Amino acid sequence: MQDSADWMVQRKWITNNPIFEVTNTSLSCNTPGTPARSSIPITAGQNITAVYMYWVHTVGPMIAWLAYCSNAANDCTTFDSSTASWFKIGQKGLESGTIQEGQWFQKSFSRWDGTGSLWSETVPRGLRPGRYLLRNEIVSLHSANKPQFYPECAHLEVGGEGDRFPSEEYLVKIPGVWSMDQPEINIDIYSPEVANLTVYNIPGPKVWTGEE
């Protein structure tokens, strides 16, 4: 279906397995990350919602990114996501309690019964119009010192009257943003030094709200 449906807005993925390597080029939009044929029309300032079925993991951050399709035609259907400059538009992490046993958004997001889990973020008000990639990324940390990355991408066509775009301090490459030198990524949530901590700082740049 992903190859044949003209209405498909999500970039192709062929497996539910995680990506383990922080340098893997598939980290941008999964494997193989083949461009979709269509896009979602949306106005800056509106919410965009991703639906997940049968999500089972419970510990780790969830981050939503955007990237402008910066080829000459601003055409996401021919754009190489591994060359994109990404910026965060939202992130969700540890909400209360400890790193090992506390309430993560990912834990409340987990579903075992086949009902969909909804993840909504706002396309920043003031963002300049154009065609963008939306990247929803779940980082699962239940395996000690072996983070699991689950990225999914979709095509957006952003409208509105905005004229803003994030500055360099908000922009990163993927792969490139994550490193096994980051203690929040290369983490053992079961170790005595970590398990009972009540703060988890999501690494990477700050979220761009469109106000800067």
N, C-alpha and C. Protein backbone atom coordinates (compact mmCIF):
# COMPACT_ATOMS: atom_id res chain seq x y z
N MET A 1 0.83 -1.20 0.00
CA MET A 1 0.00 0.00 0.00
C MET A 1 0.87 1.25 0.00
N GLN A 2 1.96 1.27 0.78
CA GLN A 2 2.79 2.45 0.86
C GLN A 2 3.37 2.83 -0.50
N ASP A 3 3.61 1.84 -1.36
CA ASP A 3 4.17 2.12 -2.68
C ASP A 3 3.13 2.56 -3.69
N SER A 4 1.87 2.15 -3.49
CA SER A 4 0.88 2.33 -4.55
C SER A 4 -0.13 3.43 -4.29
N ALA A 5 -0.30 3.86 -3.06
CA ALA A 5 -1.36 4.80 -2.74
C ALA A 5 -0.92 6.24 -2.99
N ASP A 6 -1.62 6.91 -3.90
CA ASP A 6 -1.28 8.30 -4.21
C ASP A 6 -1.55 9.22 -3.03
N TRP A 7 -2.46 8.81 -2.14
CA TRP A 7 -2.81 9.66 -1.01
C TRP A 7 -1.86 9.50 0.18
N MET A 8 -0.92 8.57 0.09
CA MET A 8 -0.04 8.30 1.22
C MET A 8 0.84 9.52 1.52
N VAL A 9 0.84 9.96 2.77
CA VAL A 9 1.64 11.12 3.17
C VAL A 9 2.84 10.73 4.02
N GLN A 10 2.90 9.47 4.45
CA GLN A 10 3.98 9.01 5.31
C GLN A 10 5.09 8.38 4.47
N ARG A 11 6.33 8.70 4.79
CA ARG A 11 7.46 8.07 4.11
C ARG A 11 7.52 6.58 4.45
N LYS A 12 7.96 5.81 3.49
CA LYS A 12 7.89 4.36 3.60
C LYS A 12 8.84 3.83 4.67
N TRP A 13 8.35 2.85 5.43
CA TRP A 13 9.19 2.05 6.33
C TRP A 13 8.78 0.60 6.16
N ILE A 14 9.74 -0.30 6.33
CA ILE A 14 9.49 -1.71 6.03
C ILE A 14 9.58 -2.62 7.25
N THR A 15 9.87 -2.06 8.40
CA THR A 15 10.01 -2.89 9.60
C THR A 15 9.64 -2.08 10.83
N ASN A 16 9.16 -2.77 11.85
CA ASN A 16 8.91 -2.15 13.14
C ASN A 16 10.13 -2.17 14.04
N ASN A 17 11.22 -2.75 13.56
CA ASN A 17 12.42 -2.85 14.38
C ASN A 17 13.05 -1.48 14.60
N PRO A 18 13.71 -1.31 15.73
CA PRO A 18 14.35 -0.02 16.00
C PRO A 18 15.64 0.16 15.21
N ILE A 19 16.10 1.38 15.18
CA ILE A 19 17.45 1.70 14.71
C ILE A 19 18.31 1.88 15.95
N PHE A 20 19.47 1.24 15.96
CA PHE A 20 20.33 1.27 17.14
C PHE A 20 21.51 2.24 16.99
N GLU A 21 21.95 2.47 15.77
CA GLU A 21 23.18 3.23 15.55
C GLU A 21 22.87 4.71 15.41
N VAL A 22 23.54 5.54 16.18
CA VAL A 22 23.28 6.98 16.13
C VAL A 22 23.82 7.61 14.85
N THR A 23 24.64 6.87 14.09
CA THR A 23 25.18 7.38 12.83
C THR A 23 24.49 6.79 11.61
N ASN A 24 23.48 5.98 11.81
CA ASN A 24 22.78 5.33 10.70
C ASN A 24 22.03 6.38 9.87
N THR A 25 22.24 6.38 8.55
CA THR A 25 21.57 7.38 7.71
C THR A 25 20.05 7.19 7.70
N SER A 26 19.58 6.00 8.04
CA SER A 26 18.13 5.76 8.11
C SER A 26 17.51 6.43 9.33
N LEU A 27 18.34 6.99 10.20
CA LEU A 27 17.81 7.64 11.40
C LEU A 27 16.95 8.85 11.06
N SER A 28 17.14 9.40 9.87
CA SER A 28 16.35 10.59 9.52
C SER A 28 14.88 10.24 9.34
N CYS A 29 14.58 9.25 8.47
CA CYS A 29 13.18 8.93 8.18
C CYS A 29 12.93 7.43 8.08
N ASN A 30 13.69 6.63 8.83
CA ASN A 30 13.50 5.19 8.90
C ASN A 30 13.99 4.52 7.62
N THR A 31 13.75 3.21 7.53
CA THR A 31 14.24 2.39 6.42
C THR A 31 13.08 1.95 5.54
N PRO A 32 13.10 2.24 4.24
CA PRO A 32 14.12 3.01 3.50
C PRO A 32 13.87 4.50 3.48
N GLY A 33 12.73 4.96 4.02
CA GLY A 33 12.45 6.39 4.02
C GLY A 33 12.10 6.96 2.66
N THR A 34 11.58 6.10 1.77
CA THR A 34 11.20 6.54 0.43
C THR A 34 10.14 7.63 0.51
N PRO A 35 10.28 8.71 -0.25
CA PRO A 35 9.32 9.81 -0.16
C PRO A 35 7.88 9.39 -0.47
N ALA A 36 6.96 10.04 0.23
CA ALA A 36 5.53 9.85 -0.04
C ALA A 36 5.13 10.63 -1.28
N ARG A 37 3.93 10.33 -1.79
CA ARG A 37 3.45 11.00 -3.00
C ARG A 37 2.59 12.23 -2.71
N SER A 38 2.07 12.31 -1.51
CA SER A 38 1.16 13.40 -1.16
C SER A 38 1.64 14.10 0.10
N SER A 39 0.94 15.14 0.49
CA SER A 39 1.28 15.88 1.69
C SER A 39 0.02 16.32 2.40
N ILE A 40 0.18 16.66 3.67
CA ILE A 40 -0.94 17.12 4.50
C ILE A 40 -0.98 18.64 4.46
N PRO A 41 -2.06 19.24 3.99
CA PRO A 41 -2.16 20.70 4.05
C PRO A 41 -2.49 21.14 5.48
N ILE A 42 -1.75 22.11 5.98
CA ILE A 42 -1.95 22.57 7.35
C ILE A 42 -1.53 24.03 7.43
N THR A 43 -2.15 24.77 8.31
CA THR A 43 -1.81 26.17 8.51
C THR A 43 -0.97 26.31 9.77
N ALA A 44 0.08 27.10 9.70
CA ALA A 44 0.91 27.34 10.88
C ALA A 44 0.04 27.79 12.04
N GLY A 45 0.27 27.18 13.20
CA GLY A 45 -0.54 27.43 14.38
C GLY A 45 -1.53 26.33 14.67
N GLN A 46 -1.78 25.46 13.69
CA GLN A 46 -2.67 24.32 13.90
C GLN A 46 -1.91 23.14 14.50
N ASN A 47 -2.67 22.21 15.08
CA ASN A 47 -2.10 20.98 15.61
C ASN A 47 -2.00 19.92 14.53
N ILE A 48 -0.97 19.09 14.65
CA ILE A 48 -0.82 17.91 13.79
C ILE A 48 -0.74 16.70 14.72
N THR A 49 -1.46 15.63 14.40
CA THR A 49 -1.57 14.47 15.28
C THR A 49 -1.10 13.22 14.57
N ALA A 50 -0.19 12.49 15.21
CA ALA A 50 0.25 11.19 14.73
C ALA A 50 -0.49 10.11 15.51
N VAL A 51 -0.85 9.03 14.83
CA VAL A 51 -1.55 7.91 15.45
C VAL A 51 -0.65 6.69 15.41
N TYR A 52 -0.44 6.07 16.56
CA TYR A 52 0.36 4.85 16.67
C TYR A 52 -0.54 3.71 17.15
N MET A 53 -0.31 2.53 16.61
CA MET A 53 -1.05 1.34 17.02
C MET A 53 -0.10 0.37 17.73
N TYR A 54 -0.54 -0.19 18.83
CA TYR A 54 0.21 -1.22 19.56
C TYR A 54 1.59 -0.74 19.99
N TRP A 55 1.70 0.45 20.53
CA TRP A 55 2.99 0.87 21.07
C TRP A 55 3.17 0.26 22.45
N VAL A 56 4.35 -0.36 22.70
CA VAL A 56 4.50 -1.16 23.91
C VAL A 56 5.58 -0.66 24.86
N HIS A 57 6.47 0.19 24.41
CA HIS A 57 7.56 0.64 25.28
C HIS A 57 7.09 1.80 26.16
N THR A 58 7.84 2.06 27.24
CA THR A 58 7.32 2.98 28.25
C THR A 58 8.30 4.04 28.74
N VAL A 59 9.59 3.92 28.43
CA VAL A 59 10.59 4.81 29.01
C VAL A 59 11.39 5.49 27.90
N GLY A 60 11.44 6.81 27.95
CA GLY A 60 12.26 7.55 26.99
C GLY A 60 11.52 8.74 26.41
N PRO A 61 12.25 9.65 25.80
CA PRO A 61 11.64 10.86 25.25
C PRO A 61 10.98 10.64 23.90
N MET A 62 10.07 11.53 23.57
CA MET A 62 9.40 11.56 22.27
C MET A 62 9.52 12.98 21.74
N ILE A 63 9.99 13.10 20.50
CA ILE A 63 10.33 14.41 19.96
C ILE A 63 9.73 14.57 18.57
N ALA A 64 9.13 15.72 18.31
CA ALA A 64 8.61 16.04 16.98
C ALA A 64 9.51 17.10 16.35
N TRP A 65 9.89 16.84 15.11
CA TRP A 65 10.79 17.71 14.37
C TRP A 65 10.14 18.15 13.06
N LEU A 66 10.58 19.30 12.55
CA LEU A 66 10.27 19.72 11.20
C LEU A 66 11.56 20.02 10.46
N ALA A 67 11.52 19.83 9.13
CA ALA A 67 12.63 20.23 8.26
C ALA A 67 12.05 20.77 6.97
N TYR A 68 12.55 21.90 6.54
CA TYR A 68 12.15 22.49 5.27
C TYR A 68 12.78 21.68 4.14
N CYS A 69 12.00 21.30 3.16
CA CYS A 69 12.54 20.56 2.01
C CYS A 69 13.28 21.56 1.13
N SER A 70 14.60 21.60 1.31
CA SER A 70 15.39 22.73 0.84
C SER A 70 16.02 22.51 -0.53
N ASN A 71 15.50 21.56 -1.31
CA ASN A 71 15.98 21.47 -2.68
C ASN A 71 15.41 22.62 -3.50
N ALA A 72 15.85 22.74 -4.75
CA ALA A 72 15.53 23.92 -5.55
C ALA A 72 14.03 24.15 -5.70
N ALA A 73 13.28 23.07 -5.81
CA ALA A 73 11.84 23.18 -6.04
C ALA A 73 11.02 23.14 -4.75
N ASN A 74 11.70 23.09 -3.59
CA ASN A 74 10.99 22.88 -2.33
C ASN A 74 10.02 21.72 -2.48
N ASP A 75 10.57 20.59 -2.96
CA ASP A 75 9.77 19.41 -3.31
C ASP A 75 10.16 18.25 -2.39
N CYS A 76 9.29 17.93 -1.43
CA CYS A 76 9.59 16.84 -0.50
C CYS A 76 9.59 15.47 -1.16
N THR A 77 8.94 15.34 -2.31
CA THR A 77 8.88 14.03 -2.98
C THR A 77 10.21 13.64 -3.60
N THR A 78 11.15 14.59 -3.70
CA THR A 78 12.47 14.29 -4.24
C THR A 78 13.58 14.67 -3.26
N PHE A 79 13.21 15.02 -2.05
CA PHE A 79 14.17 15.56 -1.09
C PHE A 79 14.82 14.45 -0.27
N ASP A 80 16.14 14.52 -0.11
CA ASP A 80 16.92 13.56 0.67
C ASP A 80 16.89 13.99 2.14
N SER A 81 16.18 13.24 2.97
CA SER A 81 15.99 13.64 4.36
C SER A 81 17.28 13.65 5.16
N SER A 82 18.29 12.88 4.73
CA SER A 82 19.54 12.83 5.49
C SER A 82 20.35 14.12 5.34
N THR A 83 19.96 14.99 4.41
CA THR A 83 20.63 16.28 4.24
C THR A 83 19.88 17.42 4.91
N ALA A 84 18.75 17.12 5.52
CA ALA A 84 17.86 18.15 6.06
C ALA A 84 18.46 18.82 7.29
N SER A 85 18.00 20.03 7.54
CA SER A 85 18.27 20.72 8.80
C SER A 85 16.98 20.71 9.62
N TRP A 86 17.02 20.00 10.74
CA TRP A 86 15.83 19.74 11.53
C TRP A 86 15.74 20.68 12.73
N PHE A 87 14.52 21.00 13.13
CA PHE A 87 14.30 21.74 14.36
C PHE A 87 13.13 21.13 15.12
N LYS A 88 13.23 21.19 16.44
CA LYS A 88 12.19 20.62 17.30
C LYS A 88 10.98 21.55 17.34
N ILE A 89 9.79 20.94 17.26
CA ILE A 89 8.56 21.71 17.50
C ILE A 89 7.83 21.22 18.75
N GLY A 90 8.31 20.16 19.36
CA GLY A 90 7.70 19.65 20.58
C GLY A 90 8.48 18.48 21.12
N GLN A 91 8.40 18.25 22.41
CA GLN A 91 9.04 17.09 23.01
C GLN A 91 8.33 16.74 24.30
N LYS A 92 8.35 15.45 24.60
CA LYS A 92 7.67 14.94 25.79
C LYS A 92 8.59 13.93 26.46
N GLY A 93 8.67 13.99 27.78
CA GLY A 93 9.60 13.13 28.48
C GLY A 93 9.06 12.63 29.80
N LEU A 94 9.91 12.69 30.84
CA LEU A 94 9.53 12.26 32.18
C LEU A 94 8.63 13.32 32.81
N GLU A 95 7.42 12.92 33.18
CA GLU A 95 6.44 13.87 33.70
C GLU A 95 6.43 13.93 35.23
N SER A 96 6.72 12.81 35.88
CA SER A 96 6.77 12.77 37.34
C SER A 96 7.47 11.50 37.78
N GLY A 97 7.93 11.49 39.03
CA GLY A 97 8.55 10.29 39.56
C GLY A 97 9.98 10.11 39.10
N THR A 98 10.46 8.86 39.18
CA THR A 98 11.85 8.56 38.89
C THR A 98 12.03 8.08 37.46
N ILE A 99 13.28 8.12 37.01
CA ILE A 99 13.57 7.70 35.65
C ILE A 99 13.15 6.26 35.40
N GLN A 100 13.42 5.37 36.36
CA GLN A 100 13.10 3.96 36.12
C GLN A 100 11.61 3.66 36.26
N GLU A 101 10.97 4.17 37.28
CA GLU A 101 9.61 3.76 37.59
C GLU A 101 8.57 4.87 37.42
N GLY A 102 9.00 6.05 37.06
CA GLY A 102 8.09 7.19 37.02
C GLY A 102 7.17 7.22 35.82
N GLN A 103 6.42 8.30 35.74
CA GLN A 103 5.44 8.48 34.67
C GLN A 103 6.05 9.25 33.51
N TRP A 104 6.38 8.53 32.47
CA TRP A 104 6.81 9.14 31.22
C TRP A 104 5.59 9.33 30.32
N PHE A 105 5.65 10.33 29.46
CA PHE A 105 4.58 10.44 28.46
C PHE A 105 4.51 9.17 27.63
N GLN A 106 5.67 8.60 27.32
CA GLN A 106 5.69 7.36 26.53
C GLN A 106 4.94 6.23 27.24
N LYS A 107 4.96 6.23 28.56
CA LYS A 107 4.24 5.20 29.31
C LYS A 107 2.74 5.37 29.17
N SER A 108 2.26 6.60 29.23
CA SER A 108 0.83 6.84 29.06
C SER A 108 0.42 6.65 27.60
N PHE A 109 1.38 6.74 26.70
CA PHE A 109 1.14 6.58 25.27
C PHE A 109 1.04 5.10 24.89
N SER A 110 1.61 4.24 25.72
CA SER A 110 1.67 2.80 25.42
C SER A 110 0.28 2.18 25.40
N ARG A 111 0.01 1.38 24.37
CA ARG A 111 -1.27 0.68 24.23
C ARG A 111 -1.01 -0.77 23.82
N TRP A 112 -1.73 -1.68 24.46
CA TRP A 112 -1.61 -3.10 24.17
C TRP A 112 -2.88 -3.68 23.55
N ASP A 113 -3.93 -2.88 23.45
CA ASP A 113 -5.24 -3.42 23.08
C ASP A 113 -5.67 -3.09 21.66
N GLY A 114 -4.79 -2.49 20.88
CA GLY A 114 -5.13 -2.19 19.50
C GLY A 114 -5.80 -0.85 19.29
N THR A 115 -6.08 -0.12 20.36
CA THR A 115 -6.62 1.22 20.19
C THR A 115 -5.47 2.18 19.88
N GLY A 116 -5.74 3.19 19.10
CA GLY A 116 -4.69 4.10 18.68
C GLY A 116 -4.23 5.03 19.78
N SER A 117 -2.93 5.30 19.79
CA SER A 117 -2.36 6.30 20.68
C SER A 117 -2.15 7.58 19.88
N LEU A 118 -2.56 8.71 20.42
CA LEU A 118 -2.51 9.98 19.71
C LEU A 118 -1.40 10.87 20.27
N TRP A 119 -0.62 11.43 19.37
CA TRP A 119 0.48 12.32 19.73
C TRP A 119 0.30 13.60 18.93
N SER A 120 -0.05 14.68 19.62
CA SER A 120 -0.32 15.96 18.95
C SER A 120 0.74 17.00 19.30
N GLU A 121 1.14 17.76 18.32
CA GLU A 121 2.02 18.91 18.50
C GLU A 121 1.49 20.05 17.63
N THR A 122 1.97 21.24 17.90
CA THR A 122 1.54 22.42 17.16
C THR A 122 2.59 22.84 16.15
N VAL A 123 2.17 23.03 14.91
CA VAL A 123 3.06 23.65 13.92
C VAL A 123 3.21 25.11 14.33
N PRO A 124 4.44 25.56 14.59
CA PRO A 124 4.61 26.88 15.18
C PRO A 124 3.92 28.00 14.40
N ARG A 125 3.17 28.80 15.11
CA ARG A 125 2.54 29.97 14.51
C ARG A 125 3.65 30.93 14.05
N GLY A 126 3.51 31.44 12.88
CA GLY A 126 4.53 32.34 12.36
C GLY A 126 5.53 31.67 11.45
N LEU A 127 5.51 30.32 11.38
CA LEU A 127 6.42 29.61 10.48
C LEU A 127 6.12 30.00 9.04
N ARG A 128 7.17 30.24 8.28
CA ARG A 128 6.95 30.65 6.89
C ARG A 128 6.36 29.49 6.09
N PRO A 129 5.51 29.78 5.13
CA PRO A 129 4.88 28.72 4.33
C PRO A 129 5.90 27.92 3.53
N GLY A 130 5.50 26.71 3.17
CA GLY A 130 6.35 25.87 2.34
C GLY A 130 6.09 24.41 2.61
N ARG A 131 6.86 23.57 1.95
CA ARG A 131 6.74 22.13 2.12
C ARG A 131 7.81 21.66 3.10
N TYR A 132 7.36 20.89 4.08
CA TYR A 132 8.22 20.45 5.17
C TYR A 132 8.07 18.94 5.39
N LEU A 133 9.11 18.36 6.00
CA LEU A 133 9.01 17.02 6.56
C LEU A 133 8.68 17.14 8.04
N LEU A 134 7.73 16.34 8.48
CA LEU A 134 7.45 16.16 9.91
C LEU A 134 8.08 14.84 10.32
N ARG A 135 8.84 14.87 11.38
CA ARG A 135 9.51 13.66 11.88
C ARG A 135 9.09 13.43 13.33
N ASN A 136 8.36 12.36 13.57
CA ASN A 136 8.02 11.93 14.93
C ASN A 136 9.01 10.87 15.35
N GLU A 137 9.69 11.11 16.45
CA GLU A 137 10.73 10.19 16.91
C GLU A 137 10.47 9.75 18.34
N ILE A 138 10.45 8.44 18.55
CA ILE A 138 10.39 7.88 19.89
C ILE A 138 11.75 7.25 20.19
N VAL A 139 12.32 7.63 21.33
CA VAL A 139 13.58 7.04 21.79
C VAL A 139 13.24 6.19 23.01
N SER A 140 13.46 4.90 22.89
CA SER A 140 13.14 3.98 23.99
C SER A 140 14.43 3.58 24.70
N LEU A 141 14.40 3.65 26.03
CA LEU A 141 15.61 3.49 26.84
C LEU A 141 15.54 2.29 27.77
N HIS A 142 14.69 1.32 27.46
CA HIS A 142 14.51 0.19 28.37
C HIS A 142 15.66 -0.80 28.33
N SER A 143 16.50 -0.76 27.30
CA SER A 143 17.67 -1.63 27.22
C SER A 143 18.90 -0.83 27.67
N ALA A 144 19.59 -1.34 28.69
CA ALA A 144 20.69 -0.60 29.28
C ALA A 144 21.78 -0.30 28.26
N ASN A 145 22.09 1.00 28.13
CA ASN A 145 23.16 1.48 27.25
C ASN A 145 22.98 1.05 25.80
N LYS A 146 21.73 0.83 25.42
CA LYS A 146 21.43 0.45 24.04
C LYS A 146 20.13 1.13 23.63
N PRO A 147 20.19 2.43 23.37
CA PRO A 147 18.98 3.16 23.01
C PRO A 147 18.39 2.66 21.70
N GLN A 148 17.07 2.75 21.62
CA GLN A 148 16.36 2.33 20.42
C GLN A 148 15.63 3.54 19.83
N PHE A 149 15.83 3.77 18.54
CA PHE A 149 15.25 4.93 17.87
C PHE A 149 14.18 4.48 16.89
N TYR A 150 13.03 5.12 16.98
CA TYR A 150 11.89 4.81 16.12
C TYR A 150 11.42 6.10 15.44
N PRO A 151 11.99 6.45 14.29
CA PRO A 151 11.56 7.65 13.58
C PRO A 151 10.54 7.34 12.49
N GLU A 152 9.62 8.26 12.29
CA GLU A 152 8.65 8.18 11.19
C GLU A 152 8.50 9.58 10.61
N CYS A 153 8.39 9.68 9.29
CA CYS A 153 8.28 10.99 8.64
C CYS A 153 7.04 11.08 7.77
N ALA A 154 6.52 12.28 7.67
CA ALA A 154 5.39 12.57 6.79
C ALA A 154 5.63 13.91 6.11
N HIS A 155 4.92 14.13 5.01
CA HIS A 155 5.05 15.36 4.24
C HIS A 155 3.96 16.35 4.65
N LEU A 156 4.35 17.59 4.91
CA LEU A 156 3.41 18.66 5.22
C LEU A 156 3.53 19.78 4.20
N GLU A 157 2.42 20.41 3.89
CA GLU A 157 2.43 21.65 3.12
C GLU A 157 1.85 22.73 4.02
N VAL A 158 2.73 23.58 4.52
CA VAL A 158 2.37 24.57 5.53
C VAL A 158 1.95 25.87 4.85
N GLY A 159 0.77 26.35 5.21
CA GLY A 159 0.28 27.63 4.72
C GLY A 159 0.21 28.65 5.84
N GLY A 160 -0.28 29.81 5.50
CA GLY A 160 -0.41 30.88 6.48
C GLY A 160 0.34 32.12 6.05
N GLU A 161 0.39 33.09 6.96
CA GLU A 161 1.01 34.39 6.67
C GLU A 161 2.35 34.55 7.38
N GLY A 162 2.90 33.47 7.91
CA GLY A 162 4.13 33.58 8.68
C GLY A 162 5.34 33.94 7.82
N ASP A 163 6.37 34.46 8.49
CA ASP A 163 7.60 34.81 7.80
C ASP A 163 8.83 34.44 8.62
N ARG A 164 8.65 33.53 9.57
CA ARG A 164 9.74 33.20 10.48
C ARG A 164 10.31 31.82 10.19
N PHE A 165 11.59 31.67 10.56
CA PHE A 165 12.28 30.39 10.42
C PHE A 165 13.33 30.34 11.51
N PRO A 166 13.55 29.16 12.11
CA PRO A 166 14.49 29.09 13.23
C PRO A 166 15.92 29.44 12.84
N SER A 167 16.63 30.06 13.78
CA SER A 167 18.04 30.38 13.58
C SER A 167 18.90 29.14 13.76
N GLU A 168 20.18 29.29 13.47
CA GLU A 168 21.10 28.14 13.45
C GLU A 168 21.14 27.39 14.77
N GLU A 169 20.95 28.07 15.88
CA GLU A 169 21.06 27.40 17.18
C GLU A 169 19.99 26.33 17.38
N TYR A 170 18.92 26.39 16.59
CA TYR A 170 17.84 25.42 16.70
C TYR A 170 17.98 24.27 15.69
N LEU A 171 18.89 24.38 14.74
CA LEU A 171 18.95 23.45 13.62
C LEU A 171 20.02 22.38 13.83
N VAL A 172 19.68 21.14 13.48
CA VAL A 172 20.61 20.02 13.62
C VAL A 172 20.48 19.10 12.41
N LYS A 173 21.50 18.27 12.24
CA LYS A 173 21.46 17.21 11.25
C LYS A 173 21.09 15.89 11.92
N ILE A 174 20.39 15.05 11.17
CA ILE A 174 20.03 13.71 11.65
C ILE A 174 20.34 12.71 10.54
N PRO A 175 21.33 11.83 10.74
CA PRO A 175 22.10 11.64 11.97
C PRO A 175 23.03 12.82 12.25
N GLY A 176 23.41 12.90 13.52
CA GLY A 176 24.29 13.95 13.98
C GLY A 176 23.88 14.52 15.31
N VAL A 177 22.58 14.57 15.58
CA VAL A 177 22.12 15.18 16.82
C VAL A 177 22.35 14.28 18.03
N TRP A 178 22.32 12.96 17.82
CA TRP A 178 22.51 12.03 18.93
C TRP A 178 23.93 11.47 18.93
N SER A 179 24.43 11.19 20.12
CA SER A 179 25.77 10.64 20.28
C SER A 179 25.77 9.71 21.48
N MET A 180 26.57 8.67 21.40
CA MET A 180 26.72 7.79 22.55
C MET A 180 27.56 8.44 23.65
N ASP A 181 28.05 9.64 23.40
CA ASP A 181 28.71 10.41 24.46
C ASP A 181 27.71 11.19 25.30
N GLN A 182 26.46 11.23 24.87
CA GLN A 182 25.42 11.93 25.63
C GLN A 182 24.88 11.00 26.72
N PRO A 183 25.00 11.38 28.00
CA PRO A 183 24.55 10.49 29.07
C PRO A 183 23.05 10.24 29.05
N GLU A 184 22.27 11.11 28.43
CA GLU A 184 20.83 10.91 28.35
C GLU A 184 20.46 9.88 27.28
N ILE A 185 21.39 9.60 26.37
CA ILE A 185 21.18 8.63 25.30
C ILE A 185 21.84 7.30 25.66
N ASN A 186 23.10 7.35 26.05
CA ASN A 186 23.83 6.15 26.48
C ASN A 186 23.59 5.98 27.97
N ILE A 187 22.44 5.42 28.31
CA ILE A 187 21.97 5.43 29.70
C ILE A 187 21.54 4.03 30.13
N ASP A 188 21.79 3.73 31.41
CA ASP A 188 21.30 2.50 32.03
C ASP A 188 20.29 2.92 33.10
N ILE A 189 19.02 2.81 32.78
CA ILE A 189 17.98 3.30 33.70
C ILE A 189 17.86 2.45 34.95
N TYR A 190 18.53 1.29 34.97
CA TYR A 190 18.45 0.38 36.12
C TYR A 190 19.61 0.56 37.08
N SER A 191 20.62 1.34 36.71
CA SER A 191 21.78 1.52 37.58
C SER A 191 21.40 2.37 38.78
N PRO A 192 22.02 2.12 39.94
CA PRO A 192 21.68 2.89 41.14
C PRO A 192 21.90 4.39 40.97
N GLU A 193 22.85 4.77 40.12
CA GLU A 193 23.15 6.19 39.92
C GLU A 193 22.06 6.91 39.13
N VAL A 194 21.26 6.15 38.39
CA VAL A 194 20.28 6.74 37.48
C VAL A 194 18.84 6.45 37.89
N ALA A 195 18.57 5.25 38.36
CA ALA A 195 17.20 4.76 38.53
C ALA A 195 16.31 5.70 39.32
N ASN A 196 16.84 6.30 40.38
CA ASN A 196 16.01 7.11 41.27
C ASN A 196 16.09 8.61 41.01
N LEU A 197 16.76 9.00 39.94
CA LEU A 197 16.76 10.42 39.58
C LEU A 197 15.36 10.85 39.15
N THR A 198 15.02 12.08 39.44
CA THR A 198 13.68 12.57 39.12
C THR A 198 13.69 13.63 38.00
N VAL A 199 14.85 13.82 37.39
CA VAL A 199 14.97 14.76 36.28
C VAL A 199 15.65 14.06 35.11
N TYR A 200 15.05 14.17 33.94
CA TYR A 200 15.67 13.70 32.71
C TYR A 200 15.63 14.85 31.71
N ASN A 201 16.80 15.32 31.33
CA ASN A 201 16.89 16.42 30.37
C ASN A 201 16.99 15.86 28.96
N ILE A 202 16.02 16.17 28.13
CA ILE A 202 16.03 15.68 26.75
C ILE A 202 17.14 16.41 26.00
N PRO A 203 18.09 15.67 25.43
CA PRO A 203 19.21 16.33 24.75
C PRO A 203 18.79 16.94 23.42
N GLY A 204 19.74 17.62 22.80
CA GLY A 204 19.46 18.28 21.53
C GLY A 204 19.10 19.74 21.73
N PRO A 205 18.73 20.43 20.66
CA PRO A 205 18.41 21.86 20.74
C PRO A 205 17.11 22.11 21.47
N LYS A 206 16.89 23.37 21.79
CA LYS A 206 15.61 23.78 22.39
C LYS A 206 14.49 23.65 21.36
N VAL A 207 13.27 23.55 21.87
CA VAL A 207 12.09 23.56 21.00
C VAL A 207 11.92 24.96 20.43
N TRP A 208 11.68 25.02 19.11
CA TRP A 208 11.39 26.30 18.47
C TRP A 208 9.89 26.52 18.46
N THR A 209 9.45 27.60 19.08
CA THR A 209 8.02 27.88 19.22
C THR A 209 7.49 28.82 18.14
N GLY A 210 8.39 29.39 17.36
CA GLY A 210 7.98 30.35 16.35
C GLY A 210 7.99 31.78 16.83
N GLU A 211 8.31 31.98 18.10
CA GLU A 211 8.30 33.33 18.67
C GLU A 211 9.66 34.00 18.58
N GLU A 212 10.73 33.20 18.42
CA GLU A 212 12.07 33.76 18.43
C GLU A 212 12.41 34.39 17.08
